[in-house]
Amino acid sequence: MPHAVVRVPIQELASDLERIFDRVAQGESVIVIDRAGEDVAIVKPMRARRRGRRKTAADRAAFRSAAGGWADVDTDALVETLYESRSQSSRPPVNL
């Protein structure tokens, strides 16, 4: 649901700060603070934190078992192979 945008002069904000923040916190509106006809700030509700699933003992064990999984890879040969495969592209060159 889109929030209503409410313009509030800075003098009103200073005199009724708690009520204005309560409106924002309840998700009713987004407040644009106005000073002498110029927008100076936006006050809007915080996004709810996304809760991920909890890590299980099996998750931690799988993570630990992956440690060192690339230890037997010859990284120099891997880099050479990657550069070689990139240079042998079948795509036509791009002229800008």
Protein backbone atom coordinates (compact mmCIF):
# COMPACT_ATOMS: atom_id res chain seq x y z
CA MET A 1 0.00 0.00 0.00
CA PRO A 2 1.51 3.36 -0.97
CA HIS A 3 2.01 5.85 1.82
CA ALA A 4 0.35 9.25 1.76
CA VAL A 5 2.89 12.05 1.32
CA VAL A 6 2.27 14.87 3.77
CA ARG A 7 4.05 18.22 3.65
CA VAL A 8 4.81 19.68 7.07
CA PRO A 9 6.29 23.12 7.70
CA ILE A 10 9.34 22.98 9.90
CA GLN A 11 7.63 25.12 12.56
CA GLU A 12 4.81 22.54 12.87
CA LEU A 13 7.37 19.74 13.08
CA ALA A 14 9.11 21.49 15.96
CA SER A 15 5.86 22.04 17.85
CA ASP A 16 4.34 18.55 17.35
CA LEU A 17 7.28 16.23 16.77
CA GLU A 18 5.97 13.20 18.68
CA ARG A 19 2.59 13.07 16.90
CA ILE A 20 4.22 13.42 13.48
CA PHE A 21 6.75 10.66 14.20
CA ASP A 22 3.95 8.43 15.50
CA ARG A 23 2.13 8.81 12.16
CA VAL A 24 5.26 7.80 10.30
CA ALA A 25 6.04 4.90 12.65
CA GLN A 26 2.53 3.49 12.19
CA GLY A 27 3.12 3.48 8.44
CA GLU A 28 0.38 5.98 7.71
CA SER A 29 2.43 8.52 5.79
CA VAL A 30 5.72 9.85 4.51
CA ILE A 31 6.51 13.33 5.80
CA VAL A 32 8.25 15.96 3.68
CA ILE A 33 9.70 18.71 5.86
CA ASP A 34 9.31 22.12 4.27
CA ARG A 35 11.30 25.23 5.18
CA ALA A 36 10.42 28.48 3.42
CA GLY A 37 8.92 26.63 0.44
CA GLU A 38 11.92 24.32 0.02
CA ASP A 39 11.94 20.59 0.80
CA VAL A 40 14.70 19.92 3.32
CA ALA A 41 14.07 16.35 4.52
CA ILE A 42 11.92 13.26 4.11
CA VAL A 43 10.83 11.16 7.06
CA LYS A 44 9.51 7.74 6.14
CA PRO A 45 8.91 4.41 7.89
CA MET A 46 11.82 2.01 8.12
CA ARG A 47 11.62 -1.13 6.02
CA ALA A 48 10.98 -4.28 7.98
CA ARG A 49 14.01 -6.47 8.38
CA ARG A 50 13.93 -9.59 6.32
CA ARG A 51 14.33 -12.63 8.48
CA GLY A 52 16.36 -15.39 6.92
CA ARG A 53 16.05 -18.93 8.01
CA ARG A 54 18.12 -20.03 10.98
CA LYS A 55 21.34 -21.91 10.28
CA THR A 56 21.20 -25.52 11.38
CA ALA A 57 24.01 -27.79 12.51
CA ALA A 58 23.86 -29.45 9.08
CA ASP A 59 24.33 -26.04 7.40
CA ARG A 60 27.41 -25.32 9.50
CA ALA A 61 28.81 -28.79 8.85
CA ALA A 62 28.35 -28.39 5.09
CA PHE A 63 30.09 -25.02 5.22
CA ARG A 64 33.05 -26.45 7.12
CA SER A 65 33.33 -29.44 4.78
CA ALA A 66 33.68 -27.07 1.83
CA ALA A 67 36.73 -25.40 3.37
CA GLY A 68 39.83 -26.22 1.34
CA GLY A 69 37.75 -27.64 -1.51
CA TRP A 70 39.98 -25.91 -4.07
CA ALA A 71 43.26 -26.82 -2.38
CA ASP A 72 44.24 -29.32 -5.08
CA VAL A 73 43.54 -26.89 -7.97
CA ASP A 74 46.56 -25.48 -9.80
CA THR A 75 45.50 -21.83 -9.81
CA ASP A 76 48.14 -20.74 -12.31
CA ALA A 77 46.93 -23.34 -14.81
CA LEU A 78 43.32 -22.35 -14.12
CA VAL A 79 44.04 -18.67 -14.82
CA GLU A 80 45.89 -19.57 -18.00
CA THR A 81 42.99 -21.75 -19.17
CA LEU A 82 40.47 -18.99 -18.46
CA TYR A 83 42.42 -16.36 -20.39
CA GLU A 84 42.95 -18.77 -23.26
CA SER A 85 39.23 -19.61 -23.49
CA ARG A 86 38.33 -15.92 -23.43
CA SER A 87 40.69 -15.10 -26.26
CA GLN A 88 39.19 -17.84 -28.48
CA SER A 89 35.70 -16.38 -28.56
CA SER A 90 33.52 -17.18 -31.57
CA ARG A 91 31.81 -13.80 -31.29
CA PRO A 92 32.66 -11.08 -33.79
CA PRO A 93 34.54 -8.11 -32.36
CA VAL A 94 32.52 -5.13 -31.17
CA ASN A 95 33.34 -1.87 -32.88
CA LEU A 96 32.20 1.19 -31.02
